[in-house]
Amino acid sequence: MAYDEGLAQVLRDDLADQVGIVEKKTFGGIAFMQWGNMLCGVHKDGGMFRVGKDNEAAALTIEGAGPIQFTGRKMGGMIDLSDEGMENDDARGQLVALAKHFISTLPAK
């Protein structure tokens, strides 16, 4: 397994009260989709959150957060959260909230 199943379960628990959530396997991880749009997920080194470009600066102030650079290039509006950050309920909760806010502005797919 390329990702930490415990971290995936933490996100499942965080999103349990949300409607429209579907899990999708990705390259080496799991993405949580809401109404067809990626919200967040886990990968081998922690978590990822789609906060949008307008929320990116605020997200980067959260302990353990950084830009996602899977291919060596920064992905705008996407935030990486370290394993340690994923275990921090406050840090993870702030990023989930930013991601939910951003996703709420997108049309369902």
PDB file of N, CA and C in Angstrom:
ATOM      1  N   MET A   1       0.845  -1.172   0.000  1.00  0.00           N
ATOM      2  CA  MET A   1       0.000   0.000   0.000  1.00  0.00           C
ATOM      3  C   MET A   1       0.892   1.238   0.000  1.00  0.00           C
ATOM      4  N   ALA A   2       0.661   2.161  -0.906  1.00  0.00           N
ATOM      5  CA  ALA A   2       1.530   3.315  -1.059  1.00  0.00           C
ATOM      6  C   ALA A   2       1.154   4.477  -0.148  1.00  0.00           C
ATOM      7  N   TYR A   3       0.068   4.370   0.570  1.00  0.00           N
ATOM      8  CA  TYR A   3      -0.347   5.442   1.471  1.00  0.00           C
ATOM      9  C   TYR A   3      -0.673   4.848   2.829  1.00  0.00           C
ATOM     10  N   ASP A   4      -0.766   5.688   3.834  1.00  0.00           N
ATOM     11  CA  ASP A   4      -1.051   5.268   5.196  1.00  0.00           C
ATOM     12  C   ASP A   4      -2.567   5.121   5.361  1.00  0.00           C
ATOM     13  N   GLU A   5      -3.029   3.907   5.536  1.00  0.00           N
ATOM     14  CA  GLU A   5      -4.465   3.654   5.676  1.00  0.00           C
ATOM     15  C   GLU A   5      -5.024   4.355   6.911  1.00  0.00           C
ATOM     16  N   GLY A   6      -4.220   4.500   7.952  1.00  0.00           N
ATOM     17  CA  GLY A   6      -4.668   5.220   9.149  1.00  0.00           C
ATOM     18  C   GLY A   6      -4.988   6.672   8.846  1.00  0.00           C
ATOM     19  N   LEU A   7      -4.156   7.322   8.020  1.00  0.00           N
ATOM     20  CA  LEU A   7      -4.421   8.705   7.638  1.00  0.00           C
ATOM     21  C   LEU A   7      -5.659   8.796   6.753  1.00  0.00           C
ATOM     22  N   ALA A   8      -5.856   7.815   5.891  1.00  0.00           N
ATOM     23  CA  ALA A   8      -7.065   7.788   5.068  1.00  0.00           C
ATOM     24  C   ALA A   8      -8.300   7.690   5.958  1.00  0.00           C
ATOM     25  N   GLN A   9      -8.217   6.873   7.005  1.00  0.00           N
ATOM     26  CA  GLN A   9      -9.355   6.726   7.906  1.00  0.00           C
ATOM     27  C   GLN A   9      -9.628   8.018   8.673  1.00  0.00           C
ATOM     28  N   VAL A  10      -8.576   8.734   9.030  1.00  0.00           N
ATOM     29  CA  VAL A  10      -8.742  10.029   9.707  1.00  0.00           C
ATOM     30  C   VAL A  10      -9.548  10.971   8.813  1.00  0.00           C
ATOM     31  N   LEU A  11      -9.209  11.038   7.523  1.00  0.00           N
ATOM     32  CA  LEU A  11      -9.969  11.897   6.608  1.00  0.00           C
ATOM     33  C   LEU A  11     -11.389  11.381   6.417  1.00  0.00           C
ATOM     34  N   ARG A  12     -11.558  10.067   6.340  1.00  0.00           N
ATOM     35  CA  ARG A  12     -12.922   9.520   6.253  1.00  0.00           C
ATOM     36  C   ARG A  12     -13.763   9.995   7.431  1.00  0.00           C
ATOM     37  N   ASP A  13     -13.180   9.934   8.613  1.00  0.00           N
ATOM     38  CA  ASP A  13     -13.893  10.371   9.816  1.00  0.00           C
ATOM     39  C   ASP A  13     -14.192  11.870   9.757  1.00  0.00           C
ATOM     40  N   ASP A  14     -13.217  12.675   9.296  1.00  0.00           N
ATOM     41  CA  ASP A  14     -13.423  14.117   9.180  1.00  0.00           C
ATOM     42  C   ASP A  14     -14.563  14.455   8.221  1.00  0.00           C
ATOM     43  N   LEU A  15     -14.730  13.635   7.187  1.00  0.00           N
ATOM     44  CA  LEU A  15     -15.710  13.922   6.132  1.00  0.00           C
ATOM     45  C   LEU A  15     -17.005  13.131   6.286  1.00  0.00           C
ATOM     46  N   ALA A  16     -17.151  12.389   7.377  1.00  0.00           N
ATOM     47  CA  ALA A  16     -18.295  11.487   7.550  1.00  0.00           C
ATOM     48  C   ALA A  16     -19.637  12.198   7.464  1.00  0.00           C
ATOM     49  N   ASP A  17     -19.716  13.450   7.887  1.00  0.00           N
ATOM     50  CA  ASP A  17     -21.005  14.158   7.878  1.00  0.00           C
ATOM     51  C   ASP A  17     -21.258  14.931   6.585  1.00  0.00           C
ATOM     52  N   GLN A  18     -20.348  14.836   5.633  1.00  0.00           N
ATOM     53  CA  GLN A  18     -20.479  15.546   4.364  1.00  0.00           C
ATOM     54  C   GLN A  18     -21.221  14.693   3.336  1.00  0.00           C
ATOM     55  N   VAL A  19     -22.150  15.295   2.624  1.00  0.00           N
ATOM     56  CA  VAL A  19     -22.857  14.577   1.566  1.00  0.00           C
ATOM     57  C   VAL A  19     -22.063  14.706   0.269  1.00  0.00           C
ATOM     58  N   GLY A  20     -22.232  13.734  -0.606  1.00  0.00           N
ATOM     59  CA  GLY A  20     -21.605  13.779  -1.917  1.00  0.00           C
ATOM     60  C   GLY A  20     -20.148  13.366  -1.957  1.00  0.00           C
ATOM     61  N   ILE A  21     -19.639  12.750  -0.889  1.00  0.00           N
ATOM     62  CA  ILE A  21     -18.231  12.342  -0.849  1.00  0.00           C
ATOM     63  C   ILE A  21     -18.072  10.942  -1.439  1.00  0.00           C
ATOM     64  N   VAL A  22     -17.105  10.804  -2.334  1.00  0.00           N
ATOM     65  CA  VAL A  22     -16.764   9.527  -2.956  1.00  0.00           C
ATOM     66  C   VAL A  22     -15.248   9.387  -2.906  1.00  0.00           C
ATOM     67  N   GLU A  23     -14.778   8.176  -2.629  1.00  0.00           N
ATOM     68  CA  GLU A  23     -13.335   7.902  -2.642  1.00  0.00           C
ATOM     69  C   GLU A  23     -12.932   7.386  -4.016  1.00  0.00           C
ATOM     70  N   LYS A  24     -11.800   7.858  -4.486  1.00  0.00           N
ATOM     71  CA  LYS A  24     -11.241   7.374  -5.755  1.00  0.00           C
ATOM     72  C   LYS A  24      -9.778   7.049  -5.545  1.00  0.00           C
ATOM     73  N   LYS A  25      -9.363   5.897  -6.036  1.00  0.00           N
ATOM     74  CA  LYS A  25      -7.947   5.557  -5.999  1.00  0.00           C
ATOM     75  C   LYS A  25      -7.211   6.432  -6.993  1.00  0.00           C
ATOM     76  N   THR A  26      -6.045   6.895  -6.572  1.00  0.00           N
ATOM     77  CA  THR A  26      -5.195   7.711  -7.437  1.00  0.00           C
ATOM     78  C   THR A  26      -3.845   7.021  -7.534  1.00  0.00           C
ATOM     79  N   PHE A  27      -2.930   7.627  -8.228  1.00  0.00           N
ATOM     80  CA  PHE A  27      -1.590   7.074  -8.330  1.00  0.00           C
ATOM     81  C   PHE A  27      -0.931   7.120  -6.962  1.00  0.00           C
ATOM     82  N   GLY A  28      -0.957   6.019  -6.248  1.00  0.00           N
ATOM     83  CA  GLY A  28      -0.298   5.930  -4.958  1.00  0.00           C
ATOM     84  C   GLY A  28      -1.073   6.458  -3.779  1.00  0.00           C
ATOM     85  N   GLY A  29      -2.352   6.741  -3.942  1.00  0.00           N
ATOM     86  CA  GLY A  29      -3.124   7.269  -2.827  1.00  0.00           C
ATOM     87  C   GLY A  29      -4.616   7.164  -3.045  1.00  0.00           C
ATOM     88  N   ILE A  30      -5.332   7.950  -2.262  1.00  0.00           N
ATOM     89  CA  ILE A  30      -6.790   8.018  -2.360  1.00  0.00           C
ATOM     90  C   ILE A  30      -7.185   9.485  -2.378  1.00  0.00           C
ATOM     91  N   ALA A  31      -8.104   9.840  -3.265  1.00  0.00           N
ATOM     92  CA  ALA A  31      -8.668  11.185  -3.299  1.00  0.00           C
ATOM     93  C   ALA A  31     -10.109  11.104  -2.819  1.00  0.00           C
ATOM     94  N   PHE A  32     -10.505  12.106  -2.074  1.00  0.00           N
ATOM     95  CA  PHE A  32     -11.891  12.233  -1.645  1.00  0.00           C
ATOM     96  C   PHE A  32     -12.526  13.309  -2.516  1.00  0.00           C
ATOM     97  N   MET A  33     -13.548  12.919  -3.249  1.00  0.00           N
ATOM     98  CA  MET A  33     -14.228  13.791  -4.191  1.00  0.00           C
ATOM     99  C   MET A  33     -15.564  14.211  -3.596  1.00  0.00           C
ATOM    100  N   GLN A  34     -15.942  15.465  -3.814  1.00  0.00           N
ATOM    101  CA  GLN A  34     -17.275  15.918  -3.425  1.00  0.00           C
ATOM    102  C   GLN A  34     -17.951  16.459  -4.663  1.00  0.00           C
ATOM    103  N   TRP A  35     -19.067  15.838  -5.012  1.00  0.00           N
ATOM    104  CA  TRP A  35     -19.822  16.194  -6.214  1.00  0.00           C
ATOM    105  C   TRP A  35     -18.931  16.165  -7.456  1.00  0.00           C
ATOM    106  N   GLY A  36     -17.966  15.239  -7.469  1.00  0.00           N
ATOM    107  CA  GLY A  36     -17.108  15.052  -8.633  1.00  0.00           C
ATOM    108  C   GLY A  36     -15.849  15.899  -8.651  1.00  0.00           C
ATOM    109  N   ASN A  37     -15.674  16.774  -7.670  1.00  0.00           N
ATOM    110  CA  ASN A  37     -14.489  17.625  -7.582  1.00  0.00           C
ATOM    111  C   ASN A  37     -13.582  17.135  -6.459  1.00  0.00           C
ATOM    112  N   MET A  38     -12.278  17.087  -6.728  1.00  0.00           N
ATOM    113  CA  MET A  38     -11.360  16.646  -5.688  1.00  0.00           C
ATOM    114  C   MET A  38     -11.346  17.643  -4.542  1.00  0.00           C
ATOM    115  N   LEU A  39     -11.518  17.122  -3.330  1.00  0.00           N
ATOM    116  CA  LEU A  39     -11.514  17.918  -2.107  1.00  0.00           C
ATOM    117  C   LEU A  39     -10.178  17.776  -1.380  1.00  0.00           C
ATOM    118  N   CYS A  40      -9.795  16.528  -1.126  1.00  0.00           N
ATOM    119  CA  CYS A  40      -8.567  16.249  -0.392  1.00  0.00           C
ATOM    120  C   CYS A  40      -8.188  14.792  -0.638  1.00  0.00           C
ATOM    121  N   GLY A  41      -7.095  14.355  -0.017  1.00  0.00           N
ATOM    122  CA  GLY A  41      -6.685  12.968  -0.179  1.00  0.00           C
ATOM    123  C   GLY A  41      -5.449  12.655   0.634  1.00  0.00           C
ATOM    124  N   VAL A  42      -5.005  11.428   0.494  1.00  0.00           N
ATOM    125  CA  VAL A  42      -3.779  10.988   1.151  1.00  0.00           C
ATOM    126  C   VAL A  42      -2.853  10.397   0.101  1.00  0.00           C
ATOM    127  N   HIS A  43      -1.565  10.527   0.369  1.00  0.00           N
ATOM    128  CA  HIS A  43      -0.534   9.935  -0.484  1.00  0.00           C
ATOM    129  C   HIS A  43       0.532   9.370   0.437  1.00  0.00           C
ATOM    130  N   LYS A  44       1.592   8.849  -0.108  1.00  0.00           N
ATOM    131  CA  LYS A  44       2.575   8.133   0.715  1.00  0.00           C
ATOM    132  C   LYS A  44       3.272   8.994   1.761  1.00  0.00           C
ATOM    133  N   ASP A  45       3.285  10.310   1.580  1.00  0.00           N
ATOM    134  CA  ASP A  45       4.001  11.177   2.508  1.00  0.00           C
ATOM    135  C   ASP A  45       3.097  12.079   3.337  1.00  0.00           C
ATOM    136  N   GLY A  46       1.786  11.882   3.295  1.00  0.00           N
ATOM    137  CA  GLY A  46       0.875  12.724   4.067  1.00  0.00           C
ATOM    138  C   GLY A  46      -0.435  12.946   3.358  1.00  0.00           C
ATOM    139  N   GLY A  47      -0.891  14.189   3.390  1.00  0.00           N
ATOM    140  CA  GLY A  47      -2.188  14.518   2.809  1.00  0.00           C
ATOM    141  C   GLY A  47      -2.087  15.629   1.790  1.00  0.00           C
ATOM    142  N   MET A  48      -3.163  15.791   1.028  1.00  0.00           N
ATOM    143  CA  MET A  48      -3.231  16.847   0.023  1.00  0.00           C
ATOM    144  C   MET A  48      -4.625  17.460   0.085  1.00  0.00           C
ATOM    145  N   PHE A  49      -4.675  18.765  -0.131  1.00  0.00           N
ATOM    146  CA  PHE A  49      -5.920  19.505  -0.003  1.00  0.00           C
ATOM    147  C   PHE A  49      -6.036  20.491  -1.151  1.00  0.00           C
ATOM    148  N   ARG A  50      -7.208  20.519  -1.773  1.00  0.00           N
ATOM    149  CA  ARG A  50      -7.446  21.450  -2.881  1.00  0.00           C
ATOM    150  C   ARG A  50      -8.135  22.683  -2.307  1.00  0.00           C
ATOM    151  N   VAL A  51      -7.339  23.680  -1.972  1.00  0.00           N
ATOM    152  CA  VAL A  51      -7.864  24.872  -1.317  1.00  0.00           C
ATOM    153  C   VAL A  51      -8.134  26.016  -2.288  1.00  0.00           C
ATOM    154  N   GLY A  52      -7.654  25.916  -3.511  1.00  0.00           N
ATOM    155  CA  GLY A  52      -7.818  26.985  -4.490  1.00  0.00           C
ATOM    156  C   GLY A  52      -6.736  28.044  -4.331  1.00  0.00           C
ATOM    157  N   LYS A  53      -6.471  28.742  -5.398  1.00  0.00           N
ATOM    158  CA  LYS A  53      -5.389  29.736  -5.398  1.00  0.00           C
ATOM    159  C   LYS A  53      -5.654  30.895  -4.444  1.00  0.00           C
ATOM    160  N   ASP A  54      -6.913  31.290  -4.273  1.00  0.00           N
ATOM    161  CA  ASP A  54      -7.222  32.406  -3.377  1.00  0.00           C
ATOM    162  C   ASP A  54      -6.963  32.070  -1.912  1.00  0.00           C
ATOM    163  N   ASN A  55      -7.032  30.798  -1.548  1.00  0.00           N
ATOM    164  CA  ASN A  55      -6.820  30.360  -0.163  1.00  0.00           C
ATOM    165  C   ASN A  55      -5.413  29.837   0.091  1.00  0.00           C
ATOM    166  N   GLU A  56      -4.604  29.807  -0.943  1.00  0.00           N
ATOM    167  CA  GLU A  56      -3.283  29.183  -0.840  1.00  0.00           C
ATOM    168  C   GLU A  56      -2.377  29.867   0.193  1.00  0.00           C
ATOM    169  N   ALA A  57      -2.324  31.187   0.197  1.00  0.00           N
ATOM    170  CA  ALA A  57      -1.443  31.897   1.139  1.00  0.00           C
ATOM    171  C   ALA A  57      -1.840  31.598   2.579  1.00  0.00           C
ATOM    172  N   ALA A  58      -3.134  31.604   2.868  1.00  0.00           N
ATOM    173  CA  ALA A  58      -3.606  31.291   4.224  1.00  0.00           C
ATOM    174  C   ALA A  58      -3.261  29.850   4.590  1.00  0.00           C
ATOM    175  N   ALA A  59      -3.430  28.940   3.649  1.00  0.00           N
ATOM    176  CA  ALA A  59      -3.150  27.524   3.908  1.00  0.00           C
ATOM    177  C   ALA A  59      -1.672  27.295   4.208  1.00  0.00           C
ATOM    178  N   LEU A  60      -0.807  28.035   3.551  1.00  0.00           N
ATOM    179  CA  LEU A  60       0.628  27.847   3.737  1.00  0.00           C
ATOM    180  C   LEU A  60       1.113  28.322   5.106  1.00  0.00           C
ATOM    181  N   THR A  61       0.296  29.060   5.845  1.00  0.00           N
ATOM    182  CA  THR A  61       0.664  29.482   7.200  1.00  0.00           C
ATOM    183  C   THR A  61       0.388  28.388   8.233  1.00  0.00           C
ATOM    184  N   ILE A  62      -0.287  27.339   7.848  1.00  0.00           N
ATOM    185  CA  ILE A  62      -0.652  26.251   8.763  1.00  0.00           C
ATOM    186  C   ILE A  62       0.558  25.339   8.952  1.00  0.00           C
ATOM    187  N   GLU A  63       0.821  24.991  10.201  1.00  0.00           N
ATOM    188  CA  GLU A  63       1.984  24.168  10.525  1.00  0.00           C
ATOM    189  C   GLU A  63       1.945  22.832   9.780  1.00  0.00           C
ATOM    190  N   GLY A  64       3.053  22.512   9.100  1.00  0.00           N
ATOM    191  CA  GLY A  64       3.162  21.257   8.357  1.00  0.00           C
ATOM    192  C   GLY A  64       2.705  21.347   6.921  1.00  0.00           C
ATOM    193  N   ALA A  65       2.138  22.503   6.514  1.00  0.00           N
ATOM    194  CA  ALA A  65       1.617  22.672   5.152  1.00  0.00           C
ATOM    195  C   ALA A  65       2.695  23.221   4.229  1.00  0.00           C
ATOM    196  N   GLY A  66       2.613  22.817   2.980  1.00  0.00           N
ATOM    197  CA  GLY A  66       3.517  23.308   1.954  1.00  0.00           C
ATOM    198  C   GLY A  66       2.892  23.097   0.588  1.00  0.00           C
ATOM    199  N   PRO A  67       3.507  23.635  -0.436  1.00  0.00           N
ATOM    200  CA  PRO A  67       2.976  23.438  -1.789  1.00  0.00           C
ATOM    201  C   PRO A  67       3.194  21.996  -2.255  1.00  0.00           C
ATOM    202  N   ILE A  68       2.268  21.484  -3.022  1.00  0.00           N
ATOM    203  CA  ILE A  68       2.435  20.154  -3.611  1.00  0.00           C
ATOM    204  C   ILE A  68       3.337  20.280  -4.830  1.00  0.00           C
ATOM    205  N   GLN A  69       4.322  19.388  -4.911  1.00  0.00           N
ATOM    206  CA  GLN A  69       5.252  19.396  -6.032  1.00  0.00           C
ATOM    207  C   GLN A  69       5.561  17.956  -6.441  1.00  0.00           C
ATOM    208  N   PHE A  70       4.524  17.186  -6.781  1.00  0.00           N
ATOM    209  CA  PHE A  70       4.725  15.781  -7.138  1.00  0.00           C
ATOM    210  C   PHE A  70       5.675  15.610  -8.315  1.00  0.00           C
ATOM    211  N   THR A  71       5.584  16.483  -9.288  1.00  0.00           N
ATOM    212  CA  THR A  71       6.397  16.346 -10.492  1.00  0.00           C
ATOM    213  C   THR A  71       7.570  17.310 -10.513  1.00  0.00           C
ATOM    214  N   GLY A  72       7.829  17.958  -9.377  1.00  0.00           N
ATOM    215  CA  GLY A  72       8.883  18.948  -9.326  1.00  0.00           C
ATOM    216  C   GLY A  72       8.380  20.352  -9.632  1.00  0.00           C
ATOM    217  N   ARG A  73       7.119  20.448 -10.052  1.00  0.00           N
ATOM    218  CA  ARG A  73       6.504  21.744 -10.326  1.00  0.00           C
ATOM    219  C   ARG A  73       5.373  21.973  -9.330  1.00  0.00           C
ATOM    220  N   LYS A  74       5.290  23.187  -8.843  1.00  0.00           N
ATOM    221  CA  LYS A  74       4.241  23.559  -7.902  1.00  0.00           C
ATOM    222  C   LYS A  74       2.877  23.475  -8.587  1.00  0.00           C
ATOM    223  N   MET A  75       1.898  22.927  -7.879  1.00  0.00           N
ATOM    224  CA  MET A  75       0.523  22.837  -8.383  1.00  0.00           C
ATOM    225  C   MET A  75      -0.295  23.911  -7.659  1.00  0.00           C
ATOM    226  N   GLY A  76      -0.662  24.960  -8.351  1.00  0.00           N
ATOM    227  CA  GLY A  76      -1.392  26.072  -7.759  1.00  0.00           C
ATOM    228  C   GLY A  76      -2.699  25.634  -7.113  1.00  0.00           C
ATOM    229  N   GLY A  77      -2.945  26.147  -5.924  1.00  0.00           N
ATOM    230  CA  GLY A  77      -4.188  25.846  -5.220  1.00  0.00           C
ATOM    231  C   GLY A  77      -4.212  24.515  -4.504  1.00  0.00           C
ATOM    232  N   MET A  78      -3.125  23.760  -4.599  1.00  0.00           N
ATOM    233  CA  MET A  78      -3.027  22.448  -3.941  1.00  0.00           C
ATOM    234  C   MET A  78      -2.003  22.542  -2.818  1.00  0.00           C
ATOM    235  N   ILE A  79      -2.365  21.994  -1.657  1.00  0.00           N
ATOM    236  CA  ILE A  79      -1.514  22.057  -0.472  1.00  0.00           C
ATOM    237  C   ILE A  79      -1.184  20.658   0.003  1.00  0.00           C
ATOM    238  N   ASP A  80       0.063  20.470   0.355  1.00  0.00           N
ATOM    239  CA  ASP A  80       0.545  19.220   0.932  1.00  0.00           C
ATOM    240  C   ASP A  80       0.588  19.381   2.443  1.00  0.00           C
ATOM    241  N   LEU A  81       0.229  18.348   3.174  1.00  0.00           N
ATOM    242  CA  LEU A  81       0.333  18.358   4.631  1.00  0.00           C
ATOM    243  C   LEU A  81       1.126  17.136   5.047  1.00  0.00           C
ATOM    244  N   SER A  82       2.186  17.364   5.807  1.00  0.00           N
ATOM    245  CA  SER A  82       3.073  16.286   6.245  1.00  0.00           C
ATOM    246  C   SER A  82       2.323  15.255   7.085  1.00  0.00           C
ATOM    247  N   ASP A  83       2.933  14.086   7.261  1.00  0.00           N
ATOM    248  CA  ASP A  83       2.353  13.058   8.141  1.00  0.00           C
ATOM    249  C   ASP A  83       2.049  13.625   9.517  1.00  0.00           C
ATOM    250  N   GLU A  84       3.001  14.393  10.073  1.00  0.00           N
ATOM    251  CA  GLU A  84       2.807  14.981  11.393  1.00  0.00           C
ATOM    252  C   GLU A  84       1.644  15.967  11.381  1.00  0.00           C
ATOM    253  N   GLY A  85       1.558  16.749  10.326  1.00  0.00           N
ATOM    254  CA  GLY A  85       0.446  17.688  10.180  1.00  0.00           C
ATOM    255  C   GLY A  85      -0.893  16.987  10.082  1.00  0.00           C
ATOM    256  N   MET A  86      -0.909  15.839   9.404  1.00  0.00           N
ATOM    257  CA  MET A  86      -2.151  15.071   9.275  1.00  0.00           C
ATOM    258  C   MET A  86      -2.629  14.563  10.629  1.00  0.00           C
ATOM    259  N   GLU A  87      -1.718  14.366  11.551  1.00  0.00           N
ATOM    260  CA  GLU A  87      -2.092  13.905  12.887  1.00  0.00           C
ATOM    261  C   GLU A  87      -2.531  15.059  13.787  1.00  0.00           C
ATOM    262  N   ASN A  88      -2.339  16.292  13.342  1.00  0.00           N
ATOM    263  CA  ASN A  88      -2.733  17.483  14.094  1.00  0.00           C
ATOM    264  C   ASN A  88      -4.161  17.848  13.686  1.00  0.00           C
ATOM    265  N   ASP A  89      -5.111  17.596  14.588  1.00  0.00           N
ATOM    266  CA  ASP A  89      -6.527  17.828  14.281  1.00  0.00           C
ATOM    267  C   ASP A  89      -6.798  19.264  13.850  1.00  0.00           C
ATOM    268  N   ASP A  90      -6.142  20.231  14.493  1.00  0.00           N
ATOM    269  CA  ASP A  90      -6.378  21.633  14.170  1.00  0.00           C
ATOM    270  C   ASP A  90      -5.870  21.972  12.771  1.00  0.00           C
ATOM    271  N   ALA A  91      -4.641  21.578  12.460  1.00  0.00           N
ATOM    272  CA  ALA A  91      -4.066  21.860  11.138  1.00  0.00           C
ATOM    273  C   ALA A  91      -4.886  21.198  10.040  1.00  0.00           C
ATOM    274  N   ARG A  92      -5.189  19.922  10.232  1.00  0.00           N
ATOM    275  CA  ARG A  92      -5.971  19.179   9.234  1.00  0.00           C
ATOM    276  C   ARG A  92      -7.365  19.786   9.090  1.00  0.00           C
ATOM    277  N   GLY A  93      -7.970  20.142  10.212  1.00  0.00           N
ATOM    278  CA  GLY A  93      -9.311  20.727  10.182  1.00  0.00           C
ATOM    279  C   GLY A  93      -9.352  22.051   9.441  1.00  0.00           C
ATOM    280  N   GLN A  94      -8.322  22.874   9.626  1.00  0.00           N
ATOM    281  CA  GLN A  94      -8.260  24.151   8.915  1.00  0.00           C
ATOM    282  C   GLN A  94      -8.171  23.932   7.409  1.00  0.00           C
ATOM    283  N   LEU A  95      -7.368  22.961   6.994  1.00  0.00           N
ATOM    284  CA  LEU A  95      -7.226  22.694   5.556  1.00  0.00           C
ATOM    285  C   LEU A  95      -8.482  22.070   4.982  1.00  0.00           C
ATOM    286  N   VAL A  96      -9.132  21.195   5.719  1.00  0.00           N
ATOM    287  CA  VAL A  96     -10.407  20.624   5.258  1.00  0.00           C
ATOM    288  C   VAL A  96     -11.420  21.756   5.070  1.00  0.00           C
ATOM    289  N   ALA A  97     -11.479  22.688   6.017  1.00  0.00           N
ATOM    290  CA  ALA A  97     -12.422  23.805   5.918  1.00  0.00           C
ATOM    291  C   ALA A  97     -12.129  24.670   4.692  1.00  0.00           C
ATOM    292  N   LEU A  98     -10.849  24.979   4.454  1.00  0.00           N
ATOM    293  CA  LEU A  98     -10.492  25.766   3.272  1.00  0.00           C
ATOM    294  C   LEU A  98     -10.854  25.026   1.983  1.00  0.00           C
ATOM    295  N   ALA A  99     -10.600  23.724   1.962  1.00  0.00           N
ATOM    296  CA  ALA A  99     -10.919  22.928   0.772  1.00  0.00           C
ATOM    297  C   ALA A  99     -12.431  22.859   0.554  1.00  0.00           C
ATOM    298  N   LYS A 100     -13.207  22.657   1.611  1.00  0.00           N
ATOM    299  CA  LYS A 100     -14.671  22.610   1.476  1.00  0.00           C
ATOM    300  C   LYS A 100     -15.203  23.946   0.972  1.00  0.00           C
ATOM    301  N   HIS A 101     -14.641  25.027   1.484  1.00  0.00           N
ATOM    302  CA  HIS A 101     -15.068  26.356   1.006  1.00  0.00           C
ATOM    303  C   HIS A 101     -14.788  26.494  -0.489  1.00  0.00           C
ATOM    304  N   PHE A 102     -13.598  26.125  -0.907  1.00  0.00           N
ATOM    305  CA  PHE A 102     -13.251  26.243  -2.328  1.00  0.00           C
ATOM    306  C   PHE A 102     -14.147  25.362  -3.192  1.00  0.00           C
ATOM    307  N   ILE A 103     -14.328  24.120  -2.804  1.00  0.00           N
ATOM    308  CA  ILE A 103     -15.141  23.190  -3.590  1.00  0.00           C
ATOM    309  C   ILE A 103     -16.588  23.678  -3.709  1.00  0.00           C
ATOM    310  N   SER A 104     -17.067  24.364  -2.664  1.00  0.00           N
ATOM    311  CA  SER A 104     -18.450  24.865  -2.713  1.00  0.00           C
ATOM    312  C   SER A 104     -18.657  25.902  -3.800  1.00  0.00           C
ATOM    313  N   THR A 105     -17.574  26.478  -4.322  1.00  0.00           N
ATOM    314  CA  THR A 105     -17.690  27.476  -5.392  1.00  0.00           C
ATOM    315  C   THR A 105     -17.690  26.844  -6.782  1.00  0.00           C
ATOM    316  N   LEU A 106     -17.447  25.545  -6.861  1.00  0.00           N
ATOM    317  CA  LEU A 106     -17.346  24.859  -8.149  1.00  0.00           C
ATOM    318  C   LEU A 106     -18.647  24.159  -8.511  1.00  0.00           C
ATOM    319  N   PRO A 107     -18.943  24.061  -9.797  1.00  0.00           N
ATOM    320  CA  PRO A 107     -20.132  23.298 -10.209  1.00  0.00           C
ATOM    321  C   PRO A 107     -19.872  21.788 -10.037  1.00  0.00           C
ATOM    322  N   ALA A 108     -20.918  21.051  -9.743  1.00  0.00           N
ATOM    323  CA  ALA A 108     -20.804  19.593  -9.660  1.00  0.00           C
ATOM    324  C   ALA A 108     -20.467  19.050 -11.036  1.00  0.00           C
ATOM    325  N   LYS A 109     -19.709  17.938 -11.034  1.00  0.00           N
ATOM    326  CA  LYS A 109     -19.347  17.301 -12.315  1.00  0.00           C
ATOM    327  C   LYS A 109     -20.209  16.076 -12.526  1.00  0.00           C
TER     328      LYS A 109
END
